């Protein structure tokens, strides 16, 4: 697992999108889509119409959920196609800076190679590893929200 270089591409993103839609009902309700998956990270999107609040802007819970899904999805991609692991969020923080009035976009930045390698080696060695990920949510190049979270992957213990 730890010696395999990570390749993020549209095909990997589509596999993730299919997995999310088949395993997490909220994804279907929010109409989440993989927007981009490349060497810079993973971007998920969702239409505003399916995620409105009473003010006619994006519902904060939808923004938080989309950001968390982008991070969770990036961890899933880091582990693909290795042995199945459980992925959970251990801690998260969301900052809402401006209202979102168009398509919700959550970009999870791919961590540096050293952080990815440490995460994968630790999981291989200890059956459990933690990684911190960050999301930026932009609208017309303006930062509207940011998210950071600690995600844990683990294998069932024998």
Protein backbone atom coordinates (compact mmCIF):
# COMPACT_ATOMS: atom_id res chain seq x y z
CA UNK A 1 0.00 0.00 0.00
CA UNK A 2 2.56 2.63 1.06
CA UNK A 3 4.81 2.08 -1.96
CA UNK A 4 2.05 2.74 -4.48
CA UNK A 5 2.02 6.30 -5.88
CA UNK A 6 -1.32 8.09 -5.64
CA UNK A 7 -2.99 8.88 -8.94
CA UNK A 8 -5.98 11.17 -8.73
CA UNK A 9 -7.83 11.41 -12.01
CA UNK A 10 -11.36 11.67 -13.34
CA UNK A 11 -11.77 7.88 -13.43
CA UNK A 12 -10.88 7.61 -9.73
CA UNK A 13 -13.25 10.49 -8.99
CA UNK A 14 -16.09 8.74 -10.83
CA UNK A 15 -15.47 5.53 -8.83
CA UNK A 16 -15.68 7.59 -5.65
CA UNK A 17 -18.88 9.32 -6.82
CA UNK A 18 -20.51 5.96 -7.53
CA UNK A 19 -19.43 4.64 -4.12
CA UNK A 20 -20.79 7.71 -2.30
CA UNK A 21 -24.13 7.54 -4.10
CA UNK A 22 -24.56 3.85 -3.35
CA UNK A 23 -23.49 3.95 0.32
CA UNK A 24 -24.44 7.37 1.76
CA UNK A 25 -28.11 8.34 1.23
CA UNK A 26 -27.47 12.01 2.05
CA UNK A 27 -25.27 12.24 -1.06
CA UNK A 28 -28.23 11.43 -3.29
CA UNK A 29 -30.50 13.94 -1.51
CA UNK A 30 -27.90 16.70 -1.81
CA UNK A 31 -27.26 15.69 -5.47
CA UNK A 32 -23.49 15.61 -4.88
CA UNK A 33 -21.25 15.21 -7.92
CA UNK A 34 -17.52 14.82 -8.42
CA UNK A 35 -16.45 18.02 -10.13
CA UNK A 36 -12.66 17.55 -10.41
CA UNK A 37 -10.21 14.94 -9.25
CA UNK A 38 -6.58 15.63 -10.11
CA UNK A 39 -3.09 16.26 -8.75
CA UNK A 40 -4.41 19.29 -6.83
CA UNK A 41 -7.09 17.39 -4.94
CA UNK A 42 -10.78 16.58 -5.06
CA UNK A 43 -13.67 18.96 -5.69
CA UNK A 44 -17.26 17.94 -5.04
CA UNK A 45 -20.25 20.04 -6.05
CA UNK A 46 -23.96 20.17 -5.31
CA UNK A 47 -26.70 22.34 -6.80
CA UNK A 48 -28.00 25.23 -4.73
CA UNK A 49 -31.65 24.29 -5.39
CA UNK A 50 -31.27 20.99 -3.48
CA UNK A 51 -29.45 22.67 -0.59
CA UNK A 52 -31.35 25.91 0.10
CA UNK A 53 -32.03 27.44 3.48
CA UNK A 54 -34.90 29.78 4.42
CA UNK A 55 -32.84 32.80 3.24
CA UNK A 56 -32.42 31.48 -0.32
CA UNK A 57 -28.71 30.75 0.19
CA UNK A 58 -26.88 27.50 0.78
CA UNK A 59 -27.86 25.69 3.98
CA UNK A 60 -24.91 25.65 6.41
CA UNK A 61 -25.42 21.96 7.09
CA UNK A 62 -25.11 21.23 3.39
CA UNK A 63 -21.89 23.24 3.15
CA UNK A 64 -20.46 21.41 6.15
CA UNK A 65 -21.59 18.02 4.80
CA UNK A 66 -20.14 18.66 1.34
CA UNK A 67 -16.80 19.74 2.83
CA UNK A 68 -16.70 16.67 5.06
CA UNK A 69 -17.59 14.42 2.13
CA UNK A 70 -14.77 15.93 0.05
CA UNK A 71 -12.27 15.12 2.80
CA UNK A 72 -13.71 11.65 3.45
CA UNK A 73 -13.61 11.03 -0.29
CA UNK A 74 -9.98 12.07 -0.54
CA UNK A 75 -9.08 9.60 2.21
CA UNK A 76 -11.02 6.92 0.31
CA UNK A 77 -8.97 7.75 -2.79
CA UNK A 78 -5.71 7.63 -0.81
CA UNK A 79 -6.57 4.08 0.26
CA UNK A 80 -7.86 2.84 -3.11
CA UNK A 81 -7.30 0.07 -4.22
CA UNK A 82 -5.71 -1.24 -1.02
CA UNK A 83 -7.35 -3.42 1.61
CA UNK A 84 -10.71 -2.10 2.81
CA UNK A 85 -10.44 0.31 5.72
CA UNK A 86 -13.00 2.12 7.81
CA UNK A 87 -12.86 5.91 7.47
CA UNK A 88 -14.31 8.21 10.12
CA UNK A 89 -14.07 11.87 11.01
CA UNK A 90 -12.53 12.38 14.45
CA UNK A 91 -12.77 16.16 14.66
CA UNK A 92 -13.80 18.99 12.35
CA UNK A 93 -14.12 22.75 12.23
CA UNK A 94 -16.17 24.79 9.77
CA UNK A 95 -15.99 28.54 9.26
CA UNK A 96 -18.76 30.29 7.34
CA UNK A 97 -17.40 33.53 5.92
CA UNK A 98 -19.93 34.60 3.25
CA UNK A 99 -23.28 33.30 1.98
CA UNK A 100 -23.16 30.88 -0.95
CA UNK A 101 -25.72 31.84 -3.59
CA UNK A 102 -24.77 29.49 -6.42
CA UNK A 103 -23.53 25.91 -6.85
CA UNK A 104 -21.85 24.58 -3.72
CA UNK A 105 -18.19 23.68 -4.43
CA UNK A 106 -15.89 22.00 -1.88
CA UNK A 107 -12.22 21.60 -2.83
CA UNK A 108 -10.14 19.31 -0.61
CA UNK A 109 -6.47 19.95 -1.22
CA UNK A 110 -4.24 16.92 -1.70
CA UNK A 111 -1.78 16.82 1.23
CA UNK A 112 1.96 16.88 0.55
CA UNK A 113 3.51 13.56 -0.47
CA UNK A 114 5.30 13.19 2.89
CA UNK A 115 2.02 13.50 4.83
CA UNK A 116 0.32 10.99 2.54
CA UNK A 117 3.23 8.55 2.86
CA UNK A 118 3.26 8.85 6.67
CA UNK A 119 -0.49 8.26 6.80
CA UNK A 120 -0.29 5.15 4.60
CA UNK A 121 2.76 3.70 6.37
CA UNK A 122 1.19 4.25 9.79
CA UNK A 123 -2.00 2.52 8.69
CA UNK A 124 0.01 -0.38 7.34
CA UNK A 125 2.11 -0.67 10.51
CA UNK A 126 -0.47 0.07 13.22
CA UNK A 127 -3.79 -0.69 11.47
CA UNK A 128 -4.86 2.88 12.29
CA UNK A 129 -3.78 6.30 11.04
CA UNK A 130 -4.90 9.92 11.20
CA UNK A 131 -4.62 12.68 8.63
CA UNK A 132 -5.64 16.35 8.68
CA UNK A 133 -7.36 17.69 5.57
CA UNK A 134 -8.54 21.12 4.49
CA UNK A 135 -11.35 22.37 2.24
CA UNK A 136 -11.92 25.74 0.65
CA UNK A 137 -15.34 26.71 -0.65
CA UNK A 138 -15.17 29.47 -3.24
CA UNK A 139 -17.78 31.33 -5.22
CA UNK A 140 -16.51 33.56 -8.05
CA UNK A 141 -12.98 33.22 -6.61
CA UNK A 142 -14.13 34.55 -3.21
CA UNK A 143 -13.64 32.38 -0.13
CA UNK A 144 -17.08 31.69 1.39
CA UNK A 145 -16.24 28.90 3.84
CA UNK A 146 -13.36 26.78 5.02
CA UNK A 147 -13.26 23.42 6.73
CA UNK A 148 -10.55 21.42 8.44
CA UNK A 149 -10.86 17.94 9.82
CA UNK A 150 -8.95 15.06 11.27
CA UNK A 151 -9.86 11.80 9.60
CA UNK A 152 -9.00 8.34 10.86
CA UNK A 153 -8.67 5.19 8.81
CA UNK A 154 -8.45 1.83 10.51
CA UNK A 155 -8.54 -1.87 9.74
CA UNK A 156 -10.50 -4.33 11.86
CA UNK A 157 -8.22 -5.77 14.49
CA UNK A 158 -7.77 -9.56 14.39
